[in-house]
PDB file of all heavy atoms in Angstrom:
ATOM      1  N   ALA A   1      60.203 152.341 129.664  1.00  0.00           N
ATOM      2  CA  ALA A   1      60.174 152.537 128.168  1.00  0.00           C
ATOM      3  C   ALA A   1      59.555 151.356 127.506  1.00  0.00           C
ATOM      4  O   ALA A   1      59.846 150.176 127.926  1.00  0.00           O
ATOM      5  CB  ALA A   1      61.635 152.720 127.799  1.00  0.00           C
ATOM      6  N   ARG A   2      58.849 151.499 126.417  1.00  0.00           N
ATOM      7  CA  ARG A   2      58.342 150.549 125.596  1.00  0.00           C
ATOM      8  C   ARG A   2      59.407 150.015 124.657  1.00  0.00           C
ATOM      9  O   ARG A   2      60.160 150.871 124.077  1.00  0.00           O
ATOM     10  CB  ARG A   2      57.080 150.904 124.970  1.00  0.00           C
ATOM     11  CG  ARG A   2      55.937 151.159 125.907  1.00  0.00           C
ATOM     12  CD  ARG A   2      54.631 151.585 125.208  1.00  0.00           C
ATOM     13  NE  ARG A   2      54.571 151.596 123.777  1.00  0.00           N
ATOM     14  CZ  ARG A   2      53.543 151.451 123.077  1.00  0.00           C
ATOM     15  NH1 ARG A   2      52.424 151.197 123.671  1.00  0.00           N
ATOM     16  NH2 ARG A   2      53.498 151.474 121.786  1.00  0.00           N
ATOM     17  N   GLU A   3      59.426 148.759 124.363  1.00  0.00           N
ATOM     18  CA  GLU A   3      60.339 148.180 123.440  1.00  0.00           C
ATOM     19  C   GLU A   3      59.990 148.699 122.134  1.00  0.00           C
ATOM     20  O   GLU A   3      58.832 148.704 121.721  1.00  0.00           O
ATOM     21  CB  GLU A   3      60.262 146.721 123.476  1.00  0.00           C
ATOM     22  CG  GLU A   3      61.410 146.006 122.769  1.00  0.00           C
ATOM     23  CD  GLU A   3      61.317 144.550 122.997  1.00  0.00           C
ATOM     24  OE1 GLU A   3      60.309 143.961 123.332  1.00  0.00           O
ATOM     25  OE2 GLU A   3      62.335 143.915 122.654  1.00  0.00           O
ATOM     26  N   SER A   4      60.957 149.104 121.249  1.00  0.00           N
ATOM     27  CA  SER A   4      60.656 149.516 119.867  1.00  0.00           C
ATOM     28  C   SER A   4      60.206 148.395 119.002  1.00  0.00           C
ATOM     29  O   SER A   4      60.526 147.252 119.251  1.00  0.00           O
ATOM     30  CB  SER A   4      61.845 150.220 119.252  1.00  0.00           C
ATOM     31  OG  SER A   4      62.848 149.242 118.978  1.00  0.00           O
ATOM     32  N   PHE A   5      59.500 148.765 117.991  1.00  0.00           N
ATOM     33  CA  PHE A   5      59.019 147.797 117.095  1.00  0.00           C
ATOM     34  C   PHE A   5      60.122 146.993 116.442  1.00  0.00           C
ATOM     35  O   PHE A   5      60.103 145.778 116.407  1.00  0.00           O
ATOM     36  CB  PHE A   5      58.222 148.531 115.978  1.00  0.00           C
ATOM     37  CG  PHE A   5      57.719 147.537 114.822  1.00  0.00           C
ATOM     38  CD1 PHE A   5      56.597 146.710 115.031  1.00  0.00           C
ATOM     39  CD2 PHE A   5      58.418 147.445 113.649  1.00  0.00           C
ATOM     40  CE1 PHE A   5      56.247 145.851 113.998  1.00  0.00           C
ATOM     41  CE2 PHE A   5      57.953 146.575 112.650  1.00  0.00           C
ATOM     42  CZ  PHE A   5      56.881 145.775 112.846  1.00  0.00           C
ATOM     43  N   ASN A   6      61.216 147.636 116.053  1.00  0.00           N
ATOM     44  CA  ASN A   6      62.360 146.962 115.469  1.00  0.00           C
ATOM     45  C   ASN A   6      62.985 145.999 116.384  1.00  0.00           C
ATOM     46  O   ASN A   6      63.382 144.946 115.964  1.00  0.00           O
ATOM     47  CB  ASN A   6      63.393 148.018 114.863  1.00  0.00           C
ATOM     48  CG  ASN A   6      62.859 148.620 113.641  1.00  0.00           C
ATOM     49  OD1 ASN A   6      61.973 148.060 112.957  1.00  0.00           O
ATOM     50  ND2 ASN A   6      63.360 149.741 113.209  1.00  0.00           N
ATOM     51  N   SER A   7      63.142 146.388 117.603  1.00  0.00           N
ATOM     52  CA  SER A   7      63.878 145.482 118.547  1.00  0.00           C
ATOM     53  C   SER A   7      62.795 144.299 118.907  1.00  0.00           C
ATOM     54  O   SER A   7      63.384 143.166 119.082  1.00  0.00           O
ATOM     55  CB  SER A   7      64.253 146.208 119.923  1.00  0.00           C
ATOM     56  OG  SER A   7      63.209 146.759 120.570  1.00  0.00           O
ATOM     57  N   ARG A   8      61.570 144.573 118.892  1.00  0.00           N
ATOM     58  CA  ARG A   8      60.633 143.436 119.214  1.00  0.00           C
ATOM     59  C   ARG A   8      60.776 142.476 117.928  1.00  0.00           C
ATOM     60  O   ARG A   8      60.741 141.244 118.104  1.00  0.00           O
ATOM     61  CB  ARG A   8      59.213 143.861 119.347  1.00  0.00           C
ATOM     62  CG  ARG A   8      59.063 144.584 120.676  1.00  0.00           C
ATOM     63  CD  ARG A   8      57.593 144.891 120.999  1.00  0.00           C
ATOM     64  NE  ARG A   8      56.683 144.840 119.971  1.00  0.00           N
ATOM     65  CZ  ARG A   8      55.568 145.627 119.727  1.00  0.00           C
ATOM     66  NH1 ARG A   8      55.324 146.545 120.626  1.00  0.00           N
ATOM     67  NH2 ARG A   8      54.740 145.465 118.797  1.00  0.00           N
ATOM     68  N   LEU A   9      60.728 143.038 116.764  1.00  0.00           N
ATOM     69  CA  LEU A   9      60.887 142.275 115.557  1.00  0.00           C
ATOM     70  C   LEU A   9      62.114 141.420 115.504  1.00  0.00           C
ATOM     71  O   LEU A   9      62.116 140.222 115.245  1.00  0.00           O
ATOM     72  CB  LEU A   9      60.817 143.171 114.347  1.00  0.00           C
ATOM     73  CG  LEU A   9      60.467 142.555 112.962  1.00  0.00           C
ATOM     74  CD1 LEU A   9      59.053 141.955 112.993  1.00  0.00           C
ATOM     75  CD2 LEU A   9      60.446 143.684 111.913  1.00  0.00           C
ATOM     76  N   LYS A  10      63.165 141.999 115.864  1.00  0.00           N
ATOM     77  CA  LYS A  10      64.486 141.312 115.856  1.00  0.00           C
ATOM     78  C   LYS A  10      64.541 140.183 116.909  1.00  0.00           C
ATOM     79  O   LYS A  10      64.991 139.091 116.579  1.00  0.00           O
ATOM     80  CB  LYS A  10      65.582 142.272 116.185  1.00  0.00           C
ATOM     81  CG  LYS A  10      67.056 141.735 116.066  1.00  0.00           C
ATOM     82  CD  LYS A  10      68.044 142.770 116.257  1.00  0.00           C
ATOM     83  CE  LYS A  10      69.475 142.093 116.132  1.00  0.00           C
ATOM     84  NZ  LYS A  10      70.535 143.085 116.241  1.00  0.00           N
ATOM     85  N   ALA A  11      63.921 140.437 118.033  1.00  0.00           N
ATOM     86  CA  ALA A  11      63.818 139.417 119.043  1.00  0.00           C
ATOM     87  C   ALA A  11      62.996 138.215 118.711  1.00  0.00           C
ATOM     88  O   ALA A  11      63.281 137.100 119.242  1.00  0.00           O
ATOM     89  CB  ALA A  11      63.241 140.000 120.395  1.00  0.00           C
ATOM     90  N   LEU A  12      62.103 138.409 117.770  1.00  0.00           N
ATOM     91  CA  LEU A  12      61.201 137.283 117.313  1.00  0.00           C
ATOM     92  C   LEU A  12      61.829 136.466 116.149  1.00  0.00           C
ATOM     93  O   LEU A  12      61.366 135.550 115.626  1.00  0.00           O
ATOM     94  CB  LEU A  12      59.858 137.831 116.852  1.00  0.00           C
ATOM     95  CG  LEU A  12      59.023 138.442 117.983  1.00  0.00           C
ATOM     96  CD1 LEU A  12      57.728 139.051 117.391  1.00  0.00           C
ATOM     97  CD2 LEU A  12      58.600 137.302 119.010  1.00  0.00           C
ATOM     98  N   GLY A  13      63.017 136.924 115.713  1.00  0.00           N
ATOM     99  CA  GLY A  13      63.754 136.222 114.628  1.00  0.00           C
ATOM    100  C   GLY A  13      64.287 134.889 115.080  1.00  0.00           C
ATOM    101  O   GLY A  13      64.373 134.584 116.284  1.00  0.00           O
ATOM    102  N   ASP A  14      64.626 134.076 114.087  1.00  0.00           N
ATOM    103  CA  ASP A  14      65.264 132.824 114.296  1.00  0.00           C
ATOM    104  C   ASP A  14      66.735 132.848 113.978  1.00  0.00           C
ATOM    105  O   ASP A  14      67.046 132.886 112.844  1.00  0.00           O
ATOM    106  CB  ASP A  14      64.484 131.750 113.465  1.00  0.00           C
ATOM    107  CG  ASP A  14      65.144 130.384 113.652  1.00  0.00           C
ATOM    108  OD1 ASP A  14      66.056 130.152 114.474  1.00  0.00           O
ATOM    109  OD2 ASP A  14      64.745 129.410 113.009  1.00  0.00           O
ATOM    110  N   PRO A  15      67.607 132.864 114.976  1.00  0.00           N
ATOM    111  CA  PRO A  15      69.056 132.930 114.732  1.00  0.00           C
ATOM    112  C   PRO A  15      69.636 131.727 113.987  1.00  0.00           C
ATOM    113  O   PRO A  15      70.779 131.776 113.559  1.00  0.00           O
ATOM    114  CB  PRO A  15      69.666 133.096 116.075  1.00  0.00           C
ATOM    115  CG  PRO A  15      68.667 132.493 117.070  1.00  0.00           C
ATOM    116  CD  PRO A  15      67.362 132.687 116.389  1.00  0.00           C
ATOM    117  N   THR A  16      68.863 130.653 113.734  1.00  0.00           N
ATOM    118  CA  THR A  16      69.374 129.523 113.059  1.00  0.00           C
ATOM    119  C   THR A  16      68.689 129.375 111.689  1.00  0.00           C
ATOM    120  O   THR A  16      68.873 128.410 111.041  1.00  0.00           O
ATOM    121  CB  THR A  16      69.096 128.243 113.851  1.00  0.00           C
ATOM    122  OG1 THR A  16      67.595 128.056 114.002  1.00  0.00           O
ATOM    123  CG2 THR A  16      69.745 128.252 115.215  1.00  0.00           C
ATOM    124  N   SER A  17      67.917 130.356 111.312  1.00  0.00           N
ATOM    125  CA  SER A  17      67.239 130.358 110.004  1.00  0.00           C
ATOM    126  C   SER A  17      68.124 130.110 108.858  1.00  0.00           C
ATOM    127  O   SER A  17      69.224 130.708 108.768  1.00  0.00           O
ATOM    128  CB  SER A  17      66.361 131.619 109.797  1.00  0.00           C
ATOM    129  OG  SER A  17      65.717 131.555 108.559  1.00  0.00           O
ATOM    130  N   THR A  18      67.738 129.322 107.886  1.00  0.00           N
ATOM    131  CA  THR A  18      68.430 129.183 106.654  1.00  0.00           C
ATOM    132  C   THR A  18      67.521 129.607 105.433  1.00  0.00           C
ATOM    133  O   THR A  18      67.814 129.283 104.218  1.00  0.00           O
ATOM    134  CB  THR A  18      68.928 127.743 106.546  1.00  0.00           C
ATOM    135  OG1 THR A  18      67.711 126.886 106.479  1.00  0.00           O
ATOM    136  CG2 THR A  18      69.793 127.338 107.591  1.00  0.00           C
ATOM    137  N   ASN A  19      66.514 130.365 105.701  1.00  0.00           N
ATOM    138  CA  ASN A  19      65.528 130.753 104.666  1.00  0.00           C
ATOM    139  C   ASN A  19      65.625 132.249 104.426  1.00  0.00           C
ATOM    140  O   ASN A  19      65.453 133.035 105.284  1.00  0.00           O
ATOM    141  CB  ASN A  19      64.123 130.408 105.042  1.00  0.00           C
ATOM    142  CG  ASN A  19      63.165 130.460 103.997  1.00  0.00           C
ATOM    143  OD1 ASN A  19      63.449 130.347 102.821  1.00  0.00           O
ATOM    144  ND2 ASN A  19      61.830 130.772 104.325  1.00  0.00           N
ATOM    145  N   LEU A  20      65.937 132.580 103.059  1.00  0.00           N
ATOM    146  CA  LEU A  20      66.161 133.957 102.671  1.00  0.00           C
ATOM    147  C   LEU A  20      64.916 134.387 101.814  1.00  0.00           C
ATOM    148  O   LEU A  20      64.438 133.700 101.054  1.00  0.00           O
ATOM    149  CB  LEU A  20      67.514 134.184 101.904  1.00  0.00           C
ATOM    150  CG  LEU A  20      68.699 133.995 102.733  1.00  0.00           C
ATOM    151  CD1 LEU A  20      69.945 134.309 101.825  1.00  0.00           C
ATOM    152  CD2 LEU A  20      68.756 134.779 104.035  1.00  0.00           C
ATOM    153  N   TYR A  21      64.657 135.674 102.032  1.00  0.00           N
ATOM    154  CA  TYR A  21      63.514 136.268 101.279  1.00  0.00           C
ATOM    155  C   TYR A  21      64.234 137.156 100.179  1.00  0.00           C
ATOM    156  O   TYR A  21      65.069 138.048 100.549  1.00  0.00           O
ATOM    157  CB  TYR A  21      62.647 137.178 102.199  1.00  0.00           C
ATOM    158  CG  TYR A  21      61.577 137.915 101.549  1.00  0.00           C
ATOM    159  CD1 TYR A  21      60.387 137.425 101.084  1.00  0.00           C
ATOM    160  CD2 TYR A  21      61.790 139.395 101.392  1.00  0.00           C
ATOM    161  CE1 TYR A  21      59.406 138.234 100.529  1.00  0.00           C
ATOM    162  CE2 TYR A  21      60.729 140.124 100.803  1.00  0.00           C
ATOM    163  CZ  TYR A  21      59.638 139.537 100.390  1.00  0.00           C
ATOM    164  OH  TYR A  21      58.623 140.352  99.811  1.00  0.00           O
ATOM    165  N   ILE A  22      63.903 136.996  98.900  1.00  0.00           N
ATOM    166  CA  ILE A  22      64.563 137.659  97.899  1.00  0.00           C
ATOM    167  C   ILE A  22      63.413 138.592  97.219  1.00  0.00           C
ATOM    168  O   ILE A  22      62.424 138.057  96.770  1.00  0.00           O
ATOM    169  CB  ILE A  22      65.152 136.853  96.847  1.00  0.00           C
ATOM    170  CG1 ILE A  22      65.821 135.575  97.437  1.00  0.00           C
ATOM    171  CG2 ILE A  22      66.018 137.591  95.837  1.00  0.00           C
ATOM    172  CD1 ILE A  22      67.167 135.935  98.202  1.00  0.00           C
ATOM    173  N   SER A  23      63.600 139.926  97.147  1.00  0.00           N
ATOM    174  CA  SER A  23      62.618 140.761  96.535  1.00  0.00           C
ATOM    175  C   SER A  23      63.256 141.694  95.444  1.00  0.00           C
ATOM    176  O   SER A  23      64.481 141.702  95.293  1.00  0.00           O
ATOM    177  CB  SER A  23      61.887 141.616  97.542  1.00  0.00           C
ATOM    178  OG  SER A  23      62.856 142.438  98.214  1.00  0.00           O
ATOM    179  N   ASN A  24      62.269 142.250  94.737  1.00  0.00           N
ATOM    180  CA  ASN A  24      62.758 143.179  93.603  1.00  0.00           C
ATOM    181  C   ASN A  24      63.318 142.298  92.411  1.00  0.00           C
ATOM    182  O   ASN A  24      64.143 142.788  91.761  1.00  0.00           O
ATOM    183  CB  ASN A  24      63.719 144.211  94.059  1.00  0.00           C
ATOM    184  CG  ASN A  24      63.537 145.473  93.302  1.00  0.00           C
ATOM    185  OD1 ASN A  24      62.435 145.696  92.781  1.00  0.00           O
ATOM    186  ND2 ASN A  24      64.652 146.233  93.244  1.00  0.00           N
ATOM    187  N   LEU A  25      62.849 141.056  92.318  1.00  0.00           N
ATOM    188  CA  LEU A  25      63.244 140.227  91.197  1.00  0.00           C
ATOM    189  C   LEU A  25      62.551 140.571  89.949  1.00  0.00           C
ATOM    190  O   LEU A  25      61.284 140.825  89.961  1.00  0.00           O
ATOM    191  CB  LEU A  25      62.924 138.753  91.599  1.00  0.00           C
ATOM    192  CG  LEU A  25      63.765 138.061  92.656  1.00  0.00           C
ATOM    193  CD1 LEU A  25      63.117 136.731  93.018  1.00  0.00           C
ATOM    194  CD2 LEU A  25      65.193 137.784  92.125  1.00  0.00           C
ATOM    195  N   PRO A  26      63.228 140.591  88.828  1.00  0.00           N
ATOM    196  CA  PRO A  26      62.514 140.750  87.479  1.00  0.00           C
ATOM    197  C   PRO A  26      61.529 139.552  87.360  1.00  0.00           C
ATOM    198  O   PRO A  26      61.729 138.456  87.767  1.00  0.00           O
ATOM    199  CB  PRO A  26      63.651 140.591  86.527  1.00  0.00           C
ATOM    200  CG  PRO A  26      64.938 140.794  87.245  1.00  0.00           C
ATOM    201  CD  PRO A  26      64.707 140.373  88.658  1.00  0.00           C
TER     202      PRO A  26
END
């Protein structure tokens, strides 16, 4: 089975990150 896009994306995340992306801001 090929790894799903979402699981690959999650695996590439940084579990120590302190940077948040905020969208839909006025």
